[in-house]
Amino acid sequence: MTKLQTAQTATVSPSAQKMLAGFKYFNLPRFIKITPRLINRIRTQFQSGEDPIEQSLIKDGNLTTTTLALNDVTGIRITGASVNEDGPVILNIHGGGFIMGTARERTALLAATETPFPVYSVDYDLAPEAQAPQIVNQVLSFYRGLIETVGNRPIVMMGSSAGSGIAAAVVEQAHAQGLRLPAAMVLFCPALDVSGNGDSSIFNEKRDVGSAKMALRLAKAYIGANDQKSPIVSPMYGEVGDWFPATFMSTGTRDIMLSNVARFSEKLRHADVEVTAVIREGMWHGFNWEPKLPEAVETRQAAWQFIKQHVGETL
């Protein structure tokens, strides 16, 4: 990553300056073929770095994690010491470029730590072992089971990156099937268009922590035989109406997915859907899951306040 100029460091926190200075741009050269074996290697390496961070968050947050299955789809239930067992719940769909990550991801753990809501996080099958629409259908089945489990309690659907794209596709499918929809949506750095279209996928190349071109190559493992603009993989191109839940989205000025937030915000506004978009100065893709980064903490708190407004819960 290029050295930051004074005008850039002046507008982000000292913590962000340090992280940006230490980032190494991640890309896979075109001559490296993306195979299931390589994906498994990336997945294993990624999770080996996440495991100690997740374990620390569980310990520090005094969290309880319980494995469960809803409609034969596995996941975990995460609760903090001050959980409200009678109030709203969060359904979390983890990120990881469709090829990696688990239900125990940082975003789910932080939500259970920082709010009183039980978090139900789904462990959908990853690509390339599974593809769309199988993954969307798995999450939809889990959502059906969660509705049956919690009854009339409000459900907030939350996703990060690839998980946000799956979340939006699930809501579009749920509406088509006449299911009760979430009370609100929280989409962090959402991957709502995996076609590669969007201004930020070009101008933030080599400014973000990873390559937009590489992300598209990896996403092909999820897209499979589907068209890249099919709503099942790119919900940006799906039909939305005023039935779509009120939505909170976050991104950063360095995020390769910034255009996704700009475009989907307009799409929702045209459909008379309430939408809040938070764009953070100097932030990169997935910044929201950093436990102590000031910009991330403030963004998550804004998301939790948005949830409160739509479920009537006091944080």
C-alpha atoms as a PDB file:
ATOM      1  CA  MET A   1       0.000   0.000   0.000  1.00  0.00           C
ATOM      2  CA  THR A   2       1.328   3.455  -0.903  1.00  0.00           C
ATOM      3  CA  LYS A   3       2.632   5.710   1.842  1.00  0.00           C
ATOM      4  CA  LEU A   4      -0.030   7.974   3.315  1.00  0.00           C
ATOM      5  CA  GLN A   5       0.316  11.702   2.792  1.00  0.00           C
ATOM      6  CA  THR A   6      -0.183  14.221   5.584  1.00  0.00           C
ATOM      7  CA  ALA A   7      -3.575  15.243   4.193  1.00  0.00           C
ATOM      8  CA  GLN A   8      -4.727  11.632   4.566  1.00  0.00           C
ATOM      9  CA  THR A   9      -3.346  10.910   8.011  1.00  0.00           C
ATOM     10  CA  ALA A  10      -4.903  14.133   9.287  1.00  0.00           C
ATOM     11  CA  THR A  11      -8.442  12.781   8.867  1.00  0.00           C
ATOM     12  CA  VAL A  12      -8.258   9.307  10.431  1.00  0.00           C
ATOM     13  CA  SER A  13      -7.537   8.081  13.938  1.00  0.00           C
ATOM     14  CA  PRO A  14      -3.967   7.269  15.046  1.00  0.00           C
ATOM     15  CA  SER A  15      -5.029   3.609  15.230  1.00  0.00           C
ATOM     16  CA  ALA A  16      -6.198   3.698  11.619  1.00  0.00           C
ATOM     17  CA  GLN A  17      -2.979   5.420  10.532  1.00  0.00           C
ATOM     18  CA  LYS A  18      -0.963   2.611  12.088  1.00  0.00           C
ATOM     19  CA  MET A  19      -3.077  -0.112  10.519  1.00  0.00           C
ATOM     20  CA  LEU A  20      -3.001   1.487   7.073  1.00  0.00           C
ATOM     21  CA  ALA A  21       0.767   1.884   7.254  1.00  0.00           C
ATOM     22  CA  GLY A  22       1.130  -1.816   8.051  1.00  0.00           C
ATOM     23  CA  PHE A  23      -1.263  -3.239   5.460  1.00  0.00           C
ATOM     24  CA  LYS A  24       0.109  -5.344   2.636  1.00  0.00           C
ATOM     25  CA  TYR A  25      -2.013  -5.296  -0.523  1.00  0.00           C
ATOM     26  CA  PHE A  26      -3.256  -8.830  -1.191  1.00  0.00           C
ATOM     27  CA  ASN A  27      -3.644 -10.079  -4.731  1.00  0.00           C
ATOM     28  CA  LEU A  28      -3.242 -13.275  -6.718  1.00  0.00           C
ATOM     29  CA  PRO A  29      -1.439 -12.862 -10.054  1.00  0.00           C
ATOM     30  CA  ARG A  30      -3.410 -13.916 -13.109  1.00  0.00           C
ATOM     31  CA  PHE A  31      -1.013 -16.763 -13.822  1.00  0.00           C
ATOM     32  CA  ILE A  32      -1.993 -18.461 -10.543  1.00  0.00           C
ATOM     33  CA  LYS A  33      -4.972 -20.680 -11.262  1.00  0.00           C
ATOM     34  CA  ILE A  34      -7.697 -20.625  -8.616  1.00  0.00           C
ATOM     35  CA  THR A  35      -8.394 -24.256  -7.782  1.00  0.00           C
ATOM     36  CA  PRO A  36     -10.316 -25.920  -4.945  1.00  0.00           C
ATOM     37  CA  ARG A  37      -6.956 -26.838  -3.432  1.00  0.00           C
ATOM     38  CA  LEU A  38      -5.799 -23.211  -3.448  1.00  0.00           C
ATOM     39  CA  ILE A  39      -9.110 -22.044  -1.983  1.00  0.00           C
ATOM     40  CA  ASN A  40      -8.796 -24.582   0.815  1.00  0.00           C
ATOM     41  CA  ARG A  41      -5.284 -23.312   1.508  1.00  0.00           C
ATOM     42  CA  ILE A  42      -6.507 -19.695   1.659  1.00  0.00           C
ATOM     43  CA  ARG A  43      -9.388 -20.756   3.901  1.00  0.00           C
ATOM     44  CA  THR A  44      -7.146 -22.630   6.323  1.00  0.00           C
ATOM     45  CA  GLN A  45      -4.625 -19.807   6.531  1.00  0.00           C
ATOM     46  CA  PHE A  46      -7.343 -17.222   7.106  1.00  0.00           C
ATOM     47  CA  GLN A  47      -9.024 -19.192   9.883  1.00  0.00           C
ATOM     48  CA  SER A  48      -5.750 -19.934  11.650  1.00  0.00           C
ATOM     49  CA  GLY A  49      -5.351 -16.177  12.056  1.00  0.00           C
ATOM     50  CA  GLU A  50      -8.948 -15.640  13.148  1.00  0.00           C
ATOM     51  CA  ASP A  51      -9.200 -18.435  15.730  1.00  0.00           C
ATOM     52  CA  PRO A  52      -7.149 -16.737  18.488  1.00  0.00           C
ATOM     53  CA  ILE A  53      -8.918 -13.401  17.898  1.00  0.00           C
ATOM     54  CA  GLU A  54     -12.336 -15.054  18.126  1.00  0.00           C
ATOM     55  CA  GLN A  55     -11.355 -16.970  21.256  1.00  0.00           C
ATOM     56  CA  SER A  56     -10.170 -13.735  22.852  1.00  0.00           C
ATOM     57  CA  LEU A  57     -13.446 -11.982  22.007  1.00  0.00           C
ATOM     58  CA  ILE A  58     -15.433 -14.834  23.555  1.00  0.00           C
ATOM     59  CA  LYS A  59     -13.361 -14.699  26.741  1.00  0.00           C
ATOM     60  CA  ASP A  60     -13.279 -10.901  27.051  1.00  0.00           C
ATOM     61  CA  GLY A  61     -16.988 -10.574  26.266  1.00  0.00           C
ATOM     62  CA  ASN A  62     -17.991 -13.403  28.629  1.00  0.00           C
ATOM     63  CA  LEU A  63     -19.882 -14.936  25.724  1.00  0.00           C
ATOM     64  CA  THR A  64     -21.658 -18.270  25.530  1.00  0.00           C
ATOM     65  CA  THR A  65     -21.735 -20.094  22.197  1.00  0.00           C
ATOM     66  CA  THR A  66     -24.110 -22.986  21.565  1.00  0.00           C
ATOM     67  CA  THR A  67     -24.225 -25.109  18.435  1.00  0.00           C
ATOM     68  CA  LEU A  68     -27.679 -25.623  16.949  1.00  0.00           C
ATOM     69  CA  ALA A  69     -29.442 -26.665  13.765  1.00  0.00           C
ATOM     70  CA  LEU A  70     -32.509 -25.044  12.244  1.00  0.00           C
ATOM     71  CA  ASN A  71     -34.155 -26.949   9.407  1.00  0.00           C
ATOM     72  CA  ASP A  72     -31.034 -29.134   9.229  1.00  0.00           C
ATOM     73  CA  VAL A  73     -28.773 -26.114   8.651  1.00  0.00           C
ATOM     74  CA  THR A  74     -26.157 -25.686  11.365  1.00  0.00           C
ATOM     75  CA  GLY A  75     -25.180 -22.516  13.158  1.00  0.00           C
ATOM     76  CA  ILE A  76     -24.365 -21.149  16.578  1.00  0.00           C
ATOM     77  CA  ARG A  77     -26.253 -19.088  19.123  1.00  0.00           C
ATOM     78  CA  ILE A  78     -24.116 -16.445  20.792  1.00  0.00           C
ATOM     79  CA  THR A  79     -25.180 -14.619  23.949  1.00  0.00           C
ATOM     80  CA  GLY A  80     -23.580 -12.184  26.353  1.00  0.00           C
ATOM     81  CA  ALA A  81     -24.020 -11.906  30.103  1.00  0.00           C
ATOM     82  CA  SER A  82     -26.714  -9.202  29.747  1.00  0.00           C
ATOM     83  CA  VAL A  83     -28.721 -10.955  27.038  1.00  0.00           C
ATOM     84  CA  ASN A  84     -32.451 -10.227  26.776  1.00  0.00           C
ATOM     85  CA  GLU A  85     -34.055 -13.603  26.162  1.00  0.00           C
ATOM     86  CA  ASP A  86     -37.483 -12.117  25.436  1.00  0.00           C
ATOM     87  CA  GLY A  87     -36.559  -9.386  22.966  1.00  0.00           C
ATOM     88  CA  PRO A  88     -35.328  -9.100  19.375  1.00  0.00           C
ATOM     89  CA  VAL A  89     -32.710 -11.404  17.874  1.00  0.00           C
ATOM     90  CA  ILE A  90     -30.025 -10.988  15.224  1.00  0.00           C
ATOM     91  CA  LEU A  91     -29.542 -13.426  12.354  1.00  0.00           C
ATOM     92  CA  ASN A  92     -25.916 -13.108  11.240  1.00  0.00           C
ATOM     93  CA  ILE A  93     -24.533 -14.212   7.873  1.00  0.00           C
ATOM     94  CA  HIS A  94     -20.767 -14.246   7.941  1.00  0.00           C
ATOM     95  CA  GLY A  95     -18.418 -12.832   5.343  1.00  0.00           C
ATOM     96  CA  GLY A  96     -15.320 -14.304   3.779  1.00  0.00           C
ATOM     97  CA  GLY A  97     -15.637 -13.916   0.027  1.00  0.00           C
ATOM     98  CA  PHE A  98     -18.066 -16.866  -0.112  1.00  0.00           C
ATOM     99  CA  ILE A  99     -15.089 -19.247   0.282  1.00  0.00           C
ATOM    100  CA  MET A 100     -14.018 -18.866   3.923  1.00  0.00           C
ATOM    101  CA  GLY A 101     -15.138 -17.783   7.383  1.00  0.00           C
ATOM    102  CA  THR A 102     -17.389 -19.414   9.950  1.00  0.00           C
ATOM    103  CA  ALA A 103     -20.471 -18.599  11.984  1.00  0.00           C
ATOM    104  CA  ARG A 104     -18.161 -17.663  14.866  1.00  0.00           C
ATOM    105  CA  GLU A 105     -16.837 -14.606  13.013  1.00  0.00           C
ATOM    106  CA  ARG A 106     -15.861 -11.392  14.789  1.00  0.00           C
ATOM    107  CA  THR A 107     -18.929  -9.391  13.706  1.00  0.00           C
ATOM    108  CA  ALA A 108     -21.294 -11.891  15.329  1.00  0.00           C
ATOM    109  CA  LEU A 109     -19.227 -12.015  18.519  1.00  0.00           C
ATOM    110  CA  LEU A 110     -19.003  -8.224  18.748  1.00  0.00           C
ATOM    111  CA  ALA A 111     -22.757  -7.874  18.220  1.00  0.00           C
ATOM    112  CA  ALA A 112     -23.421 -10.270  21.112  1.00  0.00           C
ATOM    113  CA  THR A 113     -20.937  -8.353  23.273  1.00  0.00           C
ATOM    114  CA  GLU A 114     -22.135  -4.836  22.480  1.00  0.00           C
ATOM    115  CA  THR A 115     -25.917  -5.430  22.391  1.00  0.00           C
ATOM    116  CA  PRO A 116     -28.420  -7.379  24.517  1.00  0.00           C
ATOM    117  CA  PHE A 117     -29.570  -9.361  21.488  1.00  0.00           C
ATOM    118  CA  PRO A 118     -29.020 -13.109  21.081  1.00  0.00           C
ATOM    119  CA  VAL A 119     -27.123 -13.662  17.829  1.00  0.00           C
ATOM    120  CA  TYR A 120     -27.983 -16.648  15.659  1.00  0.00           C
ATOM    121  CA  SER A 121     -25.157 -17.089  13.164  1.00  0.00           C
ATOM    122  CA  VAL A 122     -25.565 -19.513  10.275  1.00  0.00           C
ATOM    123  CA  ASP A 123     -22.750 -21.826   9.158  1.00  0.00           C
ATOM    124  CA  TYR A 124     -23.675 -22.144   5.495  1.00  0.00           C
ATOM    125  CA  ASP A 125     -21.653 -24.391   3.193  1.00  0.00           C
ATOM    126  CA  LEU A 126     -18.795 -22.566   1.493  1.00  0.00           C
ATOM    127  CA  ALA A 127     -17.864 -22.311  -2.167  1.00  0.00           C
ATOM    128  CA  PRO A 128     -16.725 -24.135  -4.206  1.00  0.00           C
ATOM    129  CA  GLU A 129     -18.197 -27.105  -2.304  1.00  0.00           C
ATOM    130  CA  ALA A 130     -21.533 -25.276  -2.558  1.00  0.00           C
ATOM    131  CA  GLN A 131     -22.650 -22.527  -4.917  1.00  0.00           C
ATOM    132  CA  ALA A 132     -25.593 -20.223  -5.493  1.00  0.00           C
ATOM    133  CA  PRO A 133     -28.489 -20.774  -5.220  1.00  0.00           C
ATOM    134  CA  GLN A 134     -27.740 -23.628  -2.785  1.00  0.00           C
ATOM    135  CA  ILE A 135     -26.101 -21.305  -0.251  1.00  0.00           C
ATOM    136  CA  VAL A 136     -28.939 -18.762  -0.439  1.00  0.00           C
ATOM    137  CA  ASN A 137     -31.449 -21.566   0.027  1.00  0.00           C
ATOM    138  CA  GLN A 138     -29.539 -22.880   3.043  1.00  0.00           C
ATOM    139  CA  VAL A 139     -29.644 -19.479   4.740  1.00  0.00           C
ATOM    140  CA  LEU A 140     -33.305 -19.096   3.794  1.00  0.00           C
ATOM    141  CA  SER A 141     -34.059 -22.461   5.443  1.00  0.00           C
ATOM    142  CA  PHE A 142     -32.179 -21.348   8.563  1.00  0.00           C
ATOM    143  CA  TYR A 143     -34.215 -18.115   8.557  1.00  0.00           C
ATOM    144  CA  ARG A 144     -37.466 -20.091   8.296  1.00  0.00           C
ATOM    145  CA  GLY A 145     -36.385 -22.157  11.279  1.00  0.00           C
ATOM    146  CA  LEU A 146     -35.478 -19.038  13.239  1.00  0.00           C
ATOM    147  CA  ILE A 147     -38.947 -17.566  12.625  1.00  0.00           C
ATOM    148  CA  GLU A 148     -40.457 -20.744  14.050  1.00  0.00           C
ATOM    149  CA  THR A 149     -38.047 -20.665  16.998  1.00  0.00           C
ATOM    150  CA  VAL A 150     -38.495 -17.054  18.129  1.00  0.00           C
ATOM    151  CA  GLY A 151     -42.140 -16.575  17.178  1.00  0.00           C
ATOM    152  CA  ASN A 152     -43.218 -12.936  17.029  1.00  0.00           C
ATOM    153  CA  ARG A 153     -39.937 -11.548  18.346  1.00  0.00           C
ATOM    154  CA  PRO A 154     -38.374  -9.139  15.824  1.00  0.00           C
ATOM    155  CA  ILE A 155     -35.515 -10.503  13.727  1.00  0.00           C
ATOM    156  CA  VAL A 156     -32.738  -8.264  12.448  1.00  0.00           C
ATOM    157  CA  MET A 157     -30.719  -9.687   9.562  1.00  0.00           C
ATOM    158  CA  MET A 158     -27.032  -8.775   9.568  1.00  0.00           C
ATOM    159  CA  GLY A 159     -24.245  -9.560   7.145  1.00  0.00           C
ATOM    160  CA  SER A 160     -20.688  -8.553   6.371  1.00  0.00           C
ATOM    161  CA  SER A 161     -19.183  -8.385   2.890  1.00  0.00           C
ATOM    162  CA  ALA A 162     -20.229 -11.583   1.081  1.00  0.00           C
ATOM    163  CA  GLY A 163     -22.644 -12.292   3.925  1.00  0.00           C
ATOM    164  CA  SER A 164     -24.436  -9.034   3.167  1.00  0.00           C
ATOM    165  CA  GLY A 165     -24.946 -10.098  -0.432  1.00  0.00           C
ATOM    166  CA  ILE A 166     -26.376 -13.412   0.720  1.00  0.00           C
ATOM    167  CA  ALA A 167     -28.592 -11.577   3.232  1.00  0.00           C
ATOM    168  CA  ALA A 168     -30.103  -9.279   0.608  1.00  0.00           C
ATOM    169  CA  ALA A 169     -30.690 -12.208  -1.753  1.00  0.00           C
ATOM    170  CA  VAL A 170     -32.394 -14.138   1.065  1.00  0.00           C
ATOM    171  CA  VAL A 171     -34.729 -11.216   1.801  1.00  0.00           C
ATOM    172  CA  GLU A 172     -35.664 -10.923  -1.877  1.00  0.00           C
ATOM    173  CA  GLN A 173     -36.410 -14.668  -1.938  1.00  0.00           C
ATOM    174  CA  ALA A 174     -38.296 -14.510   1.368  1.00  0.00           C
ATOM    175  CA  HIS A 175     -40.526 -11.749  -0.010  1.00  0.00           C
ATOM    176  CA  ALA A 176     -41.233 -13.768  -3.165  1.00  0.00           C
ATOM    177  CA  GLN A 177     -42.249 -16.726  -0.986  1.00  0.00           C
ATOM    178  CA  GLY A 178     -44.470 -14.668   1.322  1.00  0.00           C
ATOM    179  CA  LEU A 179     -42.361 -15.104   4.466  1.00  0.00           C
ATOM    180  CA  ARG A 180     -42.312 -12.606   7.310  1.00  0.00           C
ATOM    181  CA  LEU A 181     -39.446 -10.234   6.623  1.00  0.00           C
ATOM    182  CA  PRO A 182     -36.804  -8.966   9.053  1.00  0.00           C
ATOM    183  CA  ALA A 183     -37.580  -5.853  11.088  1.00  0.00           C
ATOM    184  CA  ALA A 184     -34.352  -4.283   9.827  1.00  0.00           C
ATOM    185  CA  MET A 185     -31.163  -5.041   7.908  1.00  0.00           C
ATOM    186  CA  VAL A 186     -27.549  -4.235   8.828  1.00  0.00           C
ATOM    187  CA  LEU A 187     -25.094  -4.654   5.962  1.00  0.00           C
ATOM    188  CA  PHE A 188     -21.409  -4.003   6.655  1.00  0.00           C
ATOM    189  CA  CYS A 189     -19.236  -3.347   3.560  1.00  0.00           C
ATOM    190  CA  PRO A 190     -21.785  -5.230   1.447  1.00  0.00           C
ATOM    191  CA  ALA A 191     -20.918  -7.277  -1.632  1.00  0.00           C
ATOM    192  CA  LEU A 192     -24.215  -6.692  -3.434  1.00  0.00           C
ATOM    193  CA  ASP A 193     -22.858  -6.842  -6.989  1.00  0.00           C
ATOM    194  CA  VAL A 194     -20.295  -9.537  -7.781  1.00  0.00           C
ATOM    195  CA  SER A 195     -20.169  -8.694 -11.500  1.00  0.00           C
ATOM    196  CA  GLY A 196     -17.191  -6.381 -10.993  1.00  0.00           C
ATOM    197  CA  ASN A 197     -19.200  -3.306 -11.986  1.00  0.00           C
ATOM    198  CA  GLY A 198     -18.869  -0.112 -10.002  1.00  0.00           C
ATOM    199  CA  ASP A 199     -16.581   2.894  -9.886  1.00  0.00           C
ATOM    200  CA  SER A 200     -14.945   1.945  -6.588  1.00  0.00           C
ATOM    201  CA  SER A 201     -13.853  -1.442  -7.928  1.00  0.00           C
ATOM    202  CA  ILE A 202     -11.588   0.547 -10.251  1.00  0.00           C
ATOM    203  CA  PHE A 203     -10.518   3.618  -8.290  1.00  0.00           C
ATOM    204  CA  ASN A 204      -9.938   1.720  -5.032  1.00  0.00           C
ATOM    205  CA  GLU A 205      -7.871  -1.018  -6.654  1.00  0.00           C
ATOM    206  CA  LYS A 206      -4.541  -1.061  -4.751  1.00  0.00           C
ATOM    207  CA  ARG A 207      -5.983   1.375  -2.161  1.00  0.00           C
ATOM    208  CA  ASP A 208      -8.024  -1.270  -0.382  1.00  0.00           C
ATOM    209  CA  VAL A 209      -6.500  -4.211   1.478  1.00  0.00           C
ATOM    210  CA  GLY A 210      -7.400  -6.591  -1.353  1.00  0.00           C
ATOM    211  CA  SER A 211      -7.914  -6.564  -5.097  1.00  0.00           C
ATOM    212  CA  ALA A 212     -11.346  -6.169  -6.686  1.00  0.00           C
ATOM    213  CA  LYS A 213     -10.155  -8.245  -9.630  1.00  0.00           C
ATOM    214  CA  MET A 214      -9.052 -11.019  -7.292  1.00  0.00           C
ATOM    215  CA  ALA A 215     -12.355 -10.843  -5.397  1.00  0.00           C
ATOM    216  CA  LEU A 216     -14.227 -11.364  -8.668  1.00  0.00           C
ATOM    217  CA  ARG A 217     -12.039 -14.334  -9.575  1.00  0.00           C
ATOM    218  CA  LEU A 218     -12.687 -15.932  -6.183  1.00  0.00           C
ATOM    219  CA  ALA A 219     -16.419 -15.145  -6.376  1.00  0.00           C
ATOM    220  CA  LYS A 220     -16.682 -17.294  -9.491  1.00  0.00           C
ATOM    221  CA  ALA A 221     -16.490 -20.287  -7.162  1.00  0.00           C
ATOM    222  CA  TYR A 222     -19.810 -19.055  -5.694  1.00  0.00           C
ATOM    223  CA  ILE A 223     -21.393 -17.793  -8.920  1.00  0.00           C
ATOM    224  CA  GLY A 224     -20.986 -21.140 -10.682  1.00  0.00           C
ATOM    225  CA  ALA A 225     -23.239 -21.430 -13.715  1.00  0.00           C
ATOM    226  CA  ASN A 226     -25.335 -18.413 -12.747  1.00  0.00           C
ATOM    227  CA  ASP A 227     -25.170 -15.118 -14.593  1.00  0.00           C
ATOM    228  CA  GLN A 228     -23.061 -12.604 -12.652  1.00  0.00           C
ATOM    229  CA  LYS A 229     -26.013 -10.200 -12.650  1.00  0.00           C
ATOM    230  CA  SER A 230     -28.554 -12.760 -11.509  1.00  0.00           C
ATOM    231  CA  PRO A 231     -30.263 -11.422  -8.352  1.00  0.00           C
ATOM    232  CA  ILE A 232     -29.512 -14.707  -6.613  1.00  0.00           C
ATOM    233  CA  VAL A 233     -25.779 -13.826  -6.644  1.00  0.00           C
ATOM    234  CA  SER A 234     -25.942 -10.047  -7.170  1.00  0.00           C
ATOM    235  CA  PRO A 235     -29.041  -8.771  -5.328  1.00  0.00           C
ATOM    236  CA  MET A 236     -28.229  -5.281  -6.595  1.00  0.00           C
ATOM    237  CA  TYR A 237     -30.110  -6.333  -9.745  1.00  0.00           C
ATOM    238  CA  GLY A 238     -33.131  -7.766  -7.939  1.00  0.00           C
ATOM    239  CA  GLU A 239     -36.534  -6.116  -7.690  1.00  0.00           C
ATOM    240  CA  VAL A 240     -37.106  -4.234  -4.443  1.00  0.00           C
ATOM    241  CA  GLY A 241     -40.149  -2.342  -3.206  1.00  0.00           C
ATOM    242  CA  ASP A 242     -41.330  -0.560  -0.109  1.00  0.00           C
ATOM    243  CA  TRP A 243     -41.589  -4.001   1.485  1.00  0.00           C
ATOM    244  CA  PHE A 244     -37.793  -4.180   1.819  1.00  0.00           C
ATOM    245  CA  PRO A 245     -36.709  -3.777   5.468  1.00  0.00           C
ATOM    246  CA  ALA A 246     -35.207  -0.523   6.706  1.00  0.00           C
ATOM    247  CA  THR A 247     -31.497  -0.882   6.008  1.00  0.00           C
ATOM    248  CA  PHE A 248     -28.236   0.305   7.568  1.00  0.00           C
ATOM    249  CA  MET A 249     -25.096   0.047   5.442  1.00  0.00           C
ATOM    250  CA  SER A 250     -21.488   0.948   6.131  1.00  0.00           C
ATOM    251  CA  THR A 251     -18.409   1.335   3.970  1.00  0.00           C
ATOM    252  CA  GLY A 252     -15.198   3.350   3.758  1.00  0.00           C
ATOM    253  CA  THR A 253     -13.574   5.650   1.219  1.00  0.00           C
ATOM    254  CA  ARG A 254     -10.975   2.934   0.438  1.00  0.00           C
ATOM    255  CA  ASP A 255     -13.483   0.079   0.199  1.00  0.00           C
ATOM    256  CA  ILE A 256     -13.685  -1.627  -3.198  1.00  0.00           C
ATOM    257  CA  MET A 257     -17.381  -2.128  -2.355  1.00  0.00           C
ATOM    258  CA  LEU A 258     -18.088   1.592  -1.778  1.00  0.00           C
ATOM    259  CA  SER A 259     -20.078   1.806  -5.026  1.00  0.00           C
ATOM    260  CA  ASN A 260     -22.309  -1.024  -3.813  1.00  0.00           C
ATOM    261  CA  VAL A 261     -23.463   1.143  -0.914  1.00  0.00           C
ATOM    262  CA  ALA A 262     -23.930   4.233  -3.101  1.00  0.00           C
ATOM    263  CA  ARG A 263     -25.952   2.341  -5.719  1.00  0.00           C
ATOM    264  CA  PHE A 264     -28.055   0.223  -3.369  1.00  0.00           C
ATOM    265  CA  SER A 265     -28.853   3.262  -1.226  1.00  0.00           C
ATOM    266  CA  GLU A 266     -30.349   4.982  -4.253  1.00  0.00           C
ATOM    267  CA  LYS A 267     -32.199   1.828  -5.261  1.00  0.00           C
ATOM    268  CA  LEU A 268     -33.802   1.581  -1.815  1.00  0.00           C
ATOM    269  CA  ARG A 269     -34.642   5.290  -1.656  1.00  0.00           C
ATOM    270  CA  HIS A 270     -36.390   5.086  -5.020  1.00  0.00           C
ATOM    271  CA  ALA A 271     -38.445   2.236  -3.526  1.00  0.00           C
ATOM    272  CA  ASP A 272     -39.348   4.410  -0.495  1.00  0.00           C
ATOM    273  CA  VAL A 273     -37.297   2.235   1.855  1.00  0.00           C
ATOM    274  CA  GLU A 274     -35.625   3.888   4.825  1.00  0.00           C
ATOM    275  CA  VAL A 275     -31.860   3.619   4.435  1.00  0.00           C
ATOM    276  CA  THR A 276     -28.892   4.891   6.421  1.00  0.00           C
ATOM    277  CA  ALA A 277     -25.471   4.784   4.767  1.00  0.00           C
ATOM    278  CA  VAL A 278     -22.352   5.446   6.839  1.00  0.00           C
ATOM    279  CA  ILE A 279     -19.205   6.150   4.812  1.00  0.00           C
ATOM    280  CA  ARG A 280     -16.105   6.358   6.973  1.00  0.00           C
ATOM    281  CA  GLU A 281     -13.049   8.387   6.032  1.00  0.00           C
ATOM    282  CA  GLY A 282      -9.999   6.329   5.069  1.00  0.00           C
ATOM    283  CA  MET A 283     -11.593   2.987   5.941  1.00  0.00           C
ATOM    284  CA  TRP A 284     -11.019  -0.229   4.045  1.00  0.00           C
ATOM    285  CA  HIS A 285     -13.138  -3.262   3.239  1.00  0.00           C
ATOM    286  CA  GLY A 286     -14.206  -5.055   6.423  1.00  0.00           C
ATOM    287  CA  PHE A 287     -12.916  -2.387   8.811  1.00  0.00           C
ATOM    288  CA  ASN A 288     -16.103  -2.726  10.871  1.00  0.00           C
ATOM    289  CA  TRP A 289     -14.953  -5.941  12.575  1.00  0.00           C
ATOM    290  CA  GLU A 290     -11.878  -4.419  14.218  1.00  0.00           C
ATOM    291  CA  PRO A 291     -12.694  -4.675  17.951  1.00  0.00           C
ATOM    292  CA  LYS A 292     -11.016  -1.470  19.150  1.00  0.00           C
ATOM    293  CA  LEU A 293     -10.486   0.683  16.052  1.00  0.00           C
ATOM    294  CA  PRO A 294     -12.332   3.965  16.859  1.00  0.00           C
ATOM    295  CA  GLU A 295     -13.928   4.227  13.420  1.00  0.00           C
ATOM    296  CA  ALA A 296     -15.148   0.639  13.674  1.00  0.00           C
ATOM    297  CA  VAL A 297     -16.510   1.058  17.199  1.00  0.00           C
ATOM    298  CA  GLU A 298     -18.422   4.199  16.181  1.00  0.00           C
ATOM    299  CA  THR A 299     -19.806   2.488  13.083  1.00  0.00           C
ATOM    300  CA  ARG A 300     -21.034  -0.527  15.035  1.00  0.00           C
ATOM    301  CA  GLN A 301     -22.625   1.722  17.655  1.00  0.00           C
ATOM    302  CA  ALA A 302     -24.462   3.552  14.869  1.00  0.00           C
ATOM    303  CA  ALA A 303     -25.683   0.183  13.582  1.00  0.00           C
ATOM    304  CA  TRP A 304     -26.871  -0.907  17.026  1.00  0.00           C
ATOM    305  CA  GLN A 305     -28.729   2.412  17.466  1.00  0.00           C
ATOM    306  CA  PHE A 306     -30.371   1.877  14.077  1.00  0.00           C
ATOM    307  CA  ILE A 307     -31.538  -1.531  15.227  1.00  0.00           C
ATOM    308  CA  LYS A 308     -32.913  -0.047  18.438  1.00  0.00           C
ATOM    309  CA  GLN A 309     -34.969   2.472  16.473  1.00  0.00           C
ATOM    310  CA  HIS A 310     -36.660  -0.309  14.527  1.00  0.00           C
ATOM    311  CA  VAL A 311     -37.239  -2.900  17.233  1.00  0.00           C
ATOM    312  CA  GLY A 312     -37.996  -0.599  20.145  1.00  0.00           C
ATOM    313  CA  GLU A 313     -35.250  -2.010  22.347  1.00  0.00           C
ATOM    314  CA  THR A 314     -33.200   0.033  24.791  1.00  0.00           C
ATOM    315  CA  LEU A 315     -29.462  -0.544  24.488  1.00  0.00           C
END
